[in-house]
Amino acid sequence: HALRPHPGQRDSATNMRRVLADSTLISEQKSGAHTF
């Protein structure tokens, strides 16, 4: 998002990263049987 630094876009992306932090469902998509 720094590559397209609209302030509103940056804030929304930050919010979404914060909400999804430490999600087991998300981490399971990155490794194991449910790889994305």
All heavy atoms as atom14 arrays in JSON, in Angstrom:
{
  "sequence": "HALRPHPGQRDSATNMRRVLADSTLISEQKSGAHTF",
  "atom14_mask": [
    [1, 1, 1, 1, 1, 1, 1, 1, 1, 1, 0, 0, 0, 0],
    [1, 1, 1, 1, 1, 0, 0, 0, 0, 0, 0, 0, 0, 0],
    [1, 1, 1, 1, 1, 1, 1, 1, 0, 0, 0, 0, 0, 0],
    [1, 1, 1, 1, 1, 1, 1, 1, 1, 1, 1, 0, 0, 0],
    [1, 1, 1, 1, 1, 1, 1, 0, 0, 0, 0, 0, 0, 0],
    [1, 1, 1, 1, 1, 1, 1, 1, 1, 1, 0, 0, 0, 0],
    [1, 1, 1, 1, 1, 1, 1, 0, 0, 0, 0, 0, 0, 0],
    [1, 1, 1, 1, 0, 0, 0, 0, 0, 0, 0, 0, 0, 0],
    [1, 1, 1, 1, 1, 1, 1, 1, 1, 0, 0, 0, 0, 0],
    [1, 1, 1, 1, 1, 1, 1, 1, 1, 1, 1, 0, 0, 0],
    [1, 1, 1, 1, 1, 1, 1, 1, 0, 0, 0, 0, 0, 0],
    [1, 1, 1, 1, 1, 1, 0, 0, 0, 0, 0, 0, 0, 0],
    [1, 1, 1, 1, 1, 0, 0, 0, 0, 0, 0, 0, 0, 0],
    [1, 1, 1, 1, 1, 1, 1, 0, 0, 0, 0, 0, 0, 0],
    [1, 1, 1, 1, 1, 1, 1, 1, 0, 0, 0, 0, 0, 0],
    [1, 1, 1, 1, 1, 1, 1, 1, 0, 0, 0, 0, 0, 0],
    [1, 1, 1, 1, 1, 1, 1, 1, 1, 1, 1, 0, 0, 0],
    [1, 1, 1, 1, 1, 1, 1, 1, 1, 1, 1, 0, 0, 0],
    [1, 1, 1, 1, 1, 1, 1, 0, 0, 0, 0, 0, 0, 0],
    [1, 1, 1, 1, 1, 1, 1, 1, 0, 0, 0, 0, 0, 0],
    [1, 1, 1, 1, 1, 0, 0, 0, 0, 0, 0, 0, 0, 0],
    [1, 1, 1, 1, 1, 1, 1, 1, 0, 0, 0, 0, 0, 0],
    [1, 1, 1, 1, 1, 1, 0, 0, 0, 0, 0, 0, 0, 0],
    [1, 1, 1, 1, 1, 1, 1, 0, 0, 0, 0, 0, 0, 0],
    [1, 1, 1, 1, 1, 1, 1, 1, 0, 0, 0, 0, 0, 0],
    [1, 1, 1, 1, 1, 1, 1, 1, 0, 0, 0, 0, 0, 0],
    [1, 1, 1, 1, 1, 1, 0, 0, 0, 0, 0, 0, 0, 0],
    [1, 1, 1, 1, 1, 1, 1, 1, 1, 0, 0, 0, 0, 0],
    [1, 1, 1, 1, 1, 1, 1, 1, 1, 0, 0, 0, 0, 0],
    [1, 1, 1, 1, 1, 1, 1, 1, 1, 0, 0, 0, 0, 0],
    [1, 1, 1, 1, 1, 1, 0, 0, 0, 0, 0, 0, 0, 0],
    [1, 1, 1, 1, 0, 0, 0, 0, 0, 0, 0, 0, 0, 0],
    [1, 1, 1, 1, 1, 0, 0, 0, 0, 0, 0, 0, 0, 0],
    [1, 1, 1, 1, 1, 1, 1, 1, 1, 1, 0, 0, 0, 0],
    [1, 1, 1, 1, 1, 1, 1, 0, 0, 0, 0, 0, 0, 0],
    [1, 1, 1, 1, 1, 1, 1, 1, 1, 1, 1, 0, 0, 0]
  ],
  "atom14_positions": [
    [[0.82, -1.22, 0.0], [0.0, 0.0, 0.0], [0.85, 1.26, 0.0], [0.39, 2.32, -0.41], [-0.98, -0.04, 1.17], [-1.99, -1.14, 1.0], [-3.12, -1.01, 0.23], [-1.97, -2.43, 1.42], [-3.79, -2.14, 0.22], [-3.1, -3.04, 0.92], [0.0, 0.0, 0.0], [0.0, 0.0, 0.0], [0.0, 0.0, 0.0], [0.0, 0.0, 0.0]],
    [[2.13, 1.11, 0.38], [3.05, 2.25, 0.25], [3.34, 2.56, -1.21], [3.75, 3.68, -1.54], [4.34, 1.94, 1.0], [0.0, 0.0, 0.0], [0.0, 0.0, 0.0], [0.0, 0.0, 0.0], [0.0, 0.0, 0.0], [0.0, 0.0, 0.0], [0.0, 0.0, 0.0], [0.0, 0.0, 0.0], [0.0, 0.0, 0.0], [0.0, 0.0, 0.0]],
    [[3.12, 1.58, -2.09], [3.32, 1.81, -3.52], [2.23, 2.69, -4.13], [2.41, 3.24, -5.21], [3.36, 0.47, -4.26], [4.49, -0.48, -3.88], [4.33, -1.82, -4.6], [5.84, 0.15, -4.19], [0.0, 0.0, 0.0], [0.0, 0.0, 0.0], [0.0, 0.0, 0.0], [0.0, 0.0, 0.0], [0.0, 0.0, 0.0], [0.0, 0.0, 0.0]],
    [[1.11, 2.79, -3.44], [0.01, 3.66, -3.88], [-0.5, 4.38, -2.62], [-1.52, 4.04, -2.07], [-1.1, 2.84, -4.51], [-2.13, 3.67, -5.28], [-3.35, 2.82, -5.6], [-4.2, 3.45, -6.58], [-5.45, 3.03, -6.84], [-5.96, 1.98, -6.19], [-6.17, 3.65, -7.75], [0.0, 0.0, 0.0], [0.0, 0.0, 0.0], [0.0, 0.0, 0.0]],
    [[0.21, 5.4, -2.17], [0.04, 5.89, -0.79], [-1.13, 6.84, -0.56], [-0.96, 7.91, 0.05], [1.38, 6.57, -0.53], [1.81, 7.08, -1.86], [1.36, 6.05, -2.85], [0.0, 0.0, 0.0], [0.0, 0.0, 0.0], [0.0, 0.0, 0.0], [0.0, 0.0, 0.0], [0.0, 0.0, 0.0], [0.0, 0.0, 0.0], [0.0, 0.0, 0.0]],
    [[-2.31, 6.46, -1.01], [-3.49, 7.22, -0.63], [-3.72, 7.03, 0.87], [-3.75, 5.89, 1.36], [-4.73, 6.75, -1.39], [-4.71, 7.09, -2.84], [-4.81, 8.39, -3.3], [-4.64, 6.3, -3.95], [-4.79, 8.39, -4.62], [-4.68, 7.14, -5.05], [0.0, 0.0, 0.0], [0.0, 0.0, 0.0], [0.0, 0.0, 0.0], [0.0, 0.0, 0.0]],
    [[-3.88, 8.1, 1.64], [-4.01, 7.95, 3.1], [-5.18, 7.07, 3.52], [-5.05, 6.26, 4.45], [-4.2, 9.4, 3.58], [-3.57, 10.24, 2.51], [-3.83, 9.52, 1.23], [0.0, 0.0, 0.0], [0.0, 0.0, 0.0], [0.0, 0.0, 0.0], [0.0, 0.0, 0.0], [0.0, 0.0, 0.0], [0.0, 0.0, 0.0], [0.0, 0.0, 0.0]],
    [[-6.32, 7.21, 2.86], [-7.48, 6.39, 3.23], [-7.25, 4.92, 2.98], [-7.62, 4.07, 3.79], [0.0, 0.0, 0.0], [0.0, 0.0, 0.0], [0.0, 0.0, 0.0], [0.0, 0.0, 0.0], [0.0, 0.0, 0.0], [0.0, 0.0, 0.0], [0.0, 0.0, 0.0], [0.0, 0.0, 0.0], [0.0, 0.0, 0.0], [0.0, 0.0, 0.0]],
    [[-6.63, 4.62, 1.85], [-6.31, 3.22, 1.52], [-5.36, 2.65, 2.55], [-5.53, 1.51, 3.02], [-5.69, 3.16, 0.13], [-5.25, 1.77, -0.3], [-4.65, 1.77, -1.71], [-5.09, 2.49, -2.59], [-3.61, 0.97, -1.91], [0.0, 0.0, 0.0], [0.0, 0.0, 0.0], [0.0, 0.0, 0.0], [0.0, 0.0, 0.0], [0.0, 0.0, 0.0]],
    [[-4.37, 3.43, 2.92], [-3.39, 2.99, 3.93], [-4.1, 2.67, 5.25], [-3.84, 1.65, 5.89], [-2.36, 4.1, 4.14], [-1.35, 3.84, 5.24], [-0.76, 5.16, 5.72], [-1.79, 6.04, 6.29], [-1.73, 7.37, 6.25], [-0.72, 7.99, 5.67], [-2.71, 8.09, 6.8], [0.0, 0.0, 0.0], [0.0, 0.0, 0.0], [0.0, 0.0, 0.0]],
    [[-5.02, 3.55, 5.66], [-5.7, 3.35, 6.94], [-6.59, 2.11, 6.92], [-6.64, 1.35, 7.9], [-6.53, 4.58, 7.29], [-5.67, 5.78, 7.64], [-4.45, 5.61, 7.86], [-6.22, 6.9, 7.69], [0.0, 0.0, 0.0], [0.0, 0.0, 0.0], [0.0, 0.0, 0.0], [0.0, 0.0, 0.0], [0.0, 0.0, 0.0], [0.0, 0.0, 0.0]],
    [[-7.29, 1.89, 5.81], [-8.16, 0.71, 5.72], [-7.33, -0.57, 5.71], [-7.69, -1.56, 6.38], [-9.03, 0.79, 4.47], [-10.1, 1.69, 4.66], [0.0, 0.0, 0.0], [0.0, 0.0, 0.0], [0.0, 0.0, 0.0], [0.0, 0.0, 0.0], [0.0, 0.0, 0.0], [0.0, 0.0, 0.0], [0.0, 0.0, 0.0], [0.0, 0.0, 0.0]],
    [[-6.23, -0.58, 4.97], [-5.38, -1.77, 4.94], [-4.8, -2.05, 6.33], [-4.71, -3.21, 6.77], [-4.25, -1.58, 3.93], [0.0, 0.0, 0.0], [0.0, 0.0, 0.0], [0.0, 0.0, 0.0], [0.0, 0.0, 0.0], [0.0, 0.0, 0.0], [0.0, 0.0, 0.0], [0.0, 0.0, 0.0], [0.0, 0.0, 0.0], [0.0, 0.0, 0.0]],
    [[-4.41, -0.99, 7.04], [-3.9, -1.15, 8.41], [-4.96, -1.76, 9.31], [-4.68, -2.67, 10.1], [-3.44, 0.2, 8.97], [-2.39, 0.72, 8.15], [-2.94, 0.06, 10.4], [0.0, 0.0, 0.0], [0.0, 0.0, 0.0], [0.0, 0.0, 0.0], [0.0, 0.0, 0.0], [0.0, 0.0, 0.0], [0.0, 0.0, 0.0], [0.0, 0.0, 0.0]],
    [[-6.18, -1.27, 9.19], [-7.27, -1.84, 9.98], [-7.46, -3.32, 9.69], [-7.63, -4.14, 10.61], [-8.58, -1.1, 9.69], [-8.73, 0.18, 10.47], [-8.0, 0.44, 11.41], [-9.69, 0.99, 10.09], [0.0, 0.0, 0.0], [0.0, 0.0, 0.0], [0.0, 0.0, 0.0], [0.0, 0.0, 0.0], [0.0, 0.0, 0.0], [0.0, 0.0, 0.0]],
    [[-7.44, -3.67, 8.42], [-7.69, -5.06, 8.06], [-6.56, -5.97, 8.53], [-6.8, -7.09, 8.98], [-7.95, -5.17, 6.56], [-9.24, -4.48, 6.13], [-9.66, -4.7, 4.4], [-10.06, -6.45, 4.38], [0.0, 0.0, 0.0], [0.0, 0.0, 0.0], [0.0, 0.0, 0.0], [0.0, 0.0, 0.0], [0.0, 0.0, 0.0], [0.0, 0.0, 0.0]],
    [[-5.31, -5.5, 8.43], [-4.2, -6.29, 8.97], [-4.37, -6.5, 10.48], [-4.15, -7.59, 11.0], [-2.86, -5.59, 8.71], [-2.36, -5.64, 7.3], [-0.88, -5.29, 7.21], [-0.53, -4.04, 7.87], [-0.6, -2.85, 7.3], [-1.04, -2.73, 6.04], [-0.24, -1.77, 7.96], [0.0, 0.0, 0.0], [0.0, 0.0, 0.0], [0.0, 0.0, 0.0]],
    [[-4.78, -5.43, 11.15], [-4.95, -5.5, 12.6], [-6.05, -6.48, 12.98], [-5.91, -7.27, 13.92], [-5.26, -4.09, 13.11], [-5.27, -3.94, 14.61], [-5.4, -2.47, 14.97], [-4.23, -1.73, 14.5], [-4.25, -0.45, 14.11], [-5.39, 0.22, 14.13], [-3.15, 0.14, 13.73], [0.0, 0.0, 0.0], [0.0, 0.0, 0.0], [0.0, 0.0, 0.0]],
    [[-7.17, -6.45, 12.26], [-8.29, -7.34, 12.56], [-7.92, -8.8, 12.33], [-8.33, -9.69, 13.07], [-9.52, -6.95, 11.72], [-10.63, -7.99, 11.86], [-10.04, -5.57, 12.14], [0.0, 0.0, 0.0], [0.0, 0.0, 0.0], [0.0, 0.0, 0.0], [0.0, 0.0, 0.0], [0.0, 0.0, 0.0], [0.0, 0.0, 0.0], [0.0, 0.0, 0.0]],
    [[-7.12, -9.06, 11.3], [-6.78, -10.44, 10.93], [-5.56, -10.99, 11.65], [-5.23, -12.18, 11.51], [-6.56, -10.53, 9.41], [-7.83, -10.35, 8.56], [-7.47, -10.18, 7.1], [-8.78, -11.52, 8.75], [0.0, 0.0, 0.0], [0.0, 0.0, 0.0], [0.0, 0.0, 0.0], [0.0, 0.0, 0.0], [0.0, 0.0, 0.0], [0.0, 0.0, 0.0]],
    [[-4.89, -10.16, 12.44], [-3.67, -10.6, 13.12], [-3.96, -11.79, 14.04], [-4.94, -11.81, 14.77], [-3.09, -9.45, 13.93], [0.0, 0.0, 0.0], [0.0, 0.0, 0.0], [0.0, 0.0, 0.0], [0.0, 0.0, 0.0], [0.0, 0.0, 0.0], [0.0, 0.0, 0.0], [0.0, 0.0, 0.0], [0.0, 0.0, 0.0], [0.0, 0.0, 0.0]],
    [[-3.1, -12.77, 13.96], [-3.18, -13.98, 14.81], [-4.42, -14.82, 14.53], [-4.92, -15.52, 15.42], [-3.13, -13.61, 16.29], [-1.85, -12.89, 16.67], [-0.78, -13.28, 16.16], [-1.92, -11.91, 17.45], [0.0, 0.0, 0.0], [0.0, 0.0, 0.0], [0.0, 0.0, 0.0], [0.0, 0.0, 0.0], [0.0, 0.0, 0.0], [0.0, 0.0, 0.0]],
    [[-4.89, -14.79, 13.29], [-6.01, -15.64, 12.9], [-5.49, -17.03, 12.52], [-4.66, -17.17, 11.62], [-6.74, -15.03, 11.7], [-7.62, -15.98, 11.11], [0.0, 0.0, 0.0], [0.0, 0.0, 0.0], [0.0, 0.0, 0.0], [0.0, 0.0, 0.0], [0.0, 0.0, 0.0], [0.0, 0.0, 0.0], [0.0, 0.0, 0.0], [0.0, 0.0, 0.0]],
    [[-6.0, -18.04, 13.2], [-5.62, -19.41, 12.87], [-6.12, -19.78, 11.48], [-5.4, -20.46, 10.72], [-6.18, -20.38, 13.92], [-5.64, -20.04, 15.2], [-5.81, -21.82, 13.59], [0.0, 0.0, 0.0], [0.0, 0.0, 0.0], [0.0, 0.0, 0.0], [0.0, 0.0, 0.0], [0.0, 0.0, 0.0], [0.0, 0.0, 0.0], [0.0, 0.0, 0.0]],
    [[-7.31, -19.35, 11.15], [-7.86, -19.68, 9.82], [-6.99, -19.09, 8.71], [-6.8, -19.73, 7.66], [-9.3, -19.16, 9.7], [-10.38, -20.01, 10.36], [-11.71, -19.27, 10.38], [-10.53, -21.35, 9.65], [0.0, 0.0, 0.0], [0.0, 0.0, 0.0], [0.0, 0.0, 0.0], [0.0, 0.0, 0.0], [0.0, 0.0, 0.0], [0.0, 0.0, 0.0]],
    [[-6.48, -17.91, 8.91], [-5.61, -17.3, 7.91], [-4.26, -18.02, 7.87], [-3.73, -18.34, 6.79], [-5.4, -15.8, 8.2], [-6.72, -15.03, 7.98], [-4.31, -15.22, 7.31], [-7.22, -15.01, 6.57], [0.0, 0.0, 0.0], [0.0, 0.0, 0.0], [0.0, 0.0, 0.0], [0.0, 0.0, 0.0], [0.0, 0.0, 0.0], [0.0, 0.0, 0.0]],
    [[-3.71, -18.3, 9.02], [-2.4, -18.97, 9.04], [-2.48, -20.36, 8.43], [-1.51, -20.84, 7.82], [-1.85, -19.04, 10.46], [-2.67, -19.83, 11.3], [0.0, 0.0, 0.0], [0.0, 0.0, 0.0], [0.0, 0.0, 0.0], [0.0, 0.0, 0.0], [0.0, 0.0, 0.0], [0.0, 0.0, 0.0], [0.0, 0.0, 0.0], [0.0, 0.0, 0.0]],
    [[-3.61, -21.05, 8.59], [-3.77, -22.37, 8.0], [-3.74, -22.33, 6.48], [-3.42, -23.34, 5.83], [-5.08, -23.01, 8.46], [-5.03, -23.52, 9.89], [-6.35, -24.15, 10.31], [-7.36, -23.99, 9.58], [-6.39, -24.79, 11.38], [0.0, 0.0, 0.0], [0.0, 0.0, 0.0], [0.0, 0.0, 0.0], [0.0, 0.0, 0.0], [0.0, 0.0, 0.0]],
    [[-4.06, -21.17, 5.91], [-4.01, -21.06, 4.45], [-2.58, -20.94, 3.92], [-2.32, -21.08, 2.73], [-4.83, -19.84, 3.96], [-6.26, -19.76, 4.48], [-6.99, -21.08, 4.35], [-7.08, -21.64, 3.27], [-7.5, -21.58, 5.47], [0.0, 0.0, 0.0], [0.0, 0.0, 0.0], [0.0, 0.0, 0.0], [0.0, 0.0, 0.0], [0.0, 0.0, 0.0]],
    [[-1.67, -20.66, 4.82], [-0.29, -20.43, 4.42], [0.59, -21.68, 4.58], [1.69, -21.73, 4.06], [0.31, -19.29, 5.24], [-0.42, -17.96, 5.04], [0.14, -16.88, 5.95], [-0.59, -15.57, 5.75], [-0.11, -14.51, 6.64], [0.0, 0.0, 0.0], [0.0, 0.0, 0.0], [0.0, 0.0, 0.0], [0.0, 0.0, 0.0], [0.0, 0.0, 0.0]],
    [[0.06, -22.66, 5.32], [0.84, -23.89, 5.51], [-0.1, -25.02, 5.86], [-1.25, -24.81, 6.26], [1.86, -23.69, 6.65], [1.19, -23.42, 7.85], [0.0, 0.0, 0.0], [0.0, 0.0, 0.0], [0.0, 0.0, 0.0], [0.0, 0.0, 0.0], [0.0, 0.0, 0.0], [0.0, 0.0, 0.0], [0.0, 0.0, 0.0], [0.0, 0.0, 0.0]],
    [[0.35, -26.23, 5.73], [-0.43, -27.38, 6.14], [-1.42, -27.82, 5.08], [-1.31, -27.51, 3.9], [0.0, 0.0, 0.0], [0.0, 0.0, 0.0], [0.0, 0.0, 0.0], [0.0, 0.0, 0.0], [0.0, 0.0, 0.0], [0.0, 0.0, 0.0], [0.0, 0.0, 0.0], [0.0, 0.0, 0.0], [0.0, 0.0, 0.0], [0.0, 0.0, 0.0]],
    [[-2.43, -28.53, 5.55], [-3.37, -29.19, 4.64], [-4.23, -28.21, 3.87], [-4.79, -28.56, 2.83], [-4.25, -30.14, 5.43], [0.0, 0.0, 0.0], [0.0, 0.0, 0.0], [0.0, 0.0, 0.0], [0.0, 0.0, 0.0], [0.0, 0.0, 0.0], [0.0, 0.0, 0.0], [0.0, 0.0, 0.0], [0.0, 0.0, 0.0], [0.0, 0.0, 0.0]],
    [[-4.37, -26.99, 4.36], [-5.29, -26.04, 3.72], [-4.54, -24.9, 3.04], [-5.01, -23.77, 2.98], [-6.25, -25.45, 4.76], [-7.05, -26.5, 5.47], [-8.04, -27.23, 4.86], [-6.98, -26.93, 6.76], [-8.58, -28.07, 5.74], [-7.94, -27.92, 6.9], [0.0, 0.0, 0.0], [0.0, 0.0, 0.0], [0.0, 0.0, 0.0], [0.0, 0.0, 0.0]],
    [[-3.36, -25.21, 2.51], [-2.55, -24.17, 1.88], [-3.36, -23.42, 0.82], [-4.06, -24.01, 0.01], [-1.31, -24.79, 1.21], [-0.56, -25.48, 2.21], [-0.45, -23.7, 0.57], [0.0, 0.0, 0.0], [0.0, 0.0, 0.0], [0.0, 0.0, 0.0], [0.0, 0.0, 0.0], [0.0, 0.0, 0.0], [0.0, 0.0, 0.0], [0.0, 0.0, 0.0]],
    [[-3.24, -22.08, 0.85], [-3.97, -21.21, -0.08], [-3.52, -21.52, -1.51], [-2.34, -21.43, -1.83], [-3.67, -19.74, 0.27], [-4.47, -18.76, -0.53], [-5.77, -18.44, -0.14], [-3.94, -18.13, -1.64], [-6.5, -17.5, -0.86], [-4.66, -17.22, -2.37], [-5.96, -16.89, -1.97], [0.0, 0.0, 0.0], [0.0, 0.0, 0.0], [0.0, 0.0, 0.0]]
  ]
}
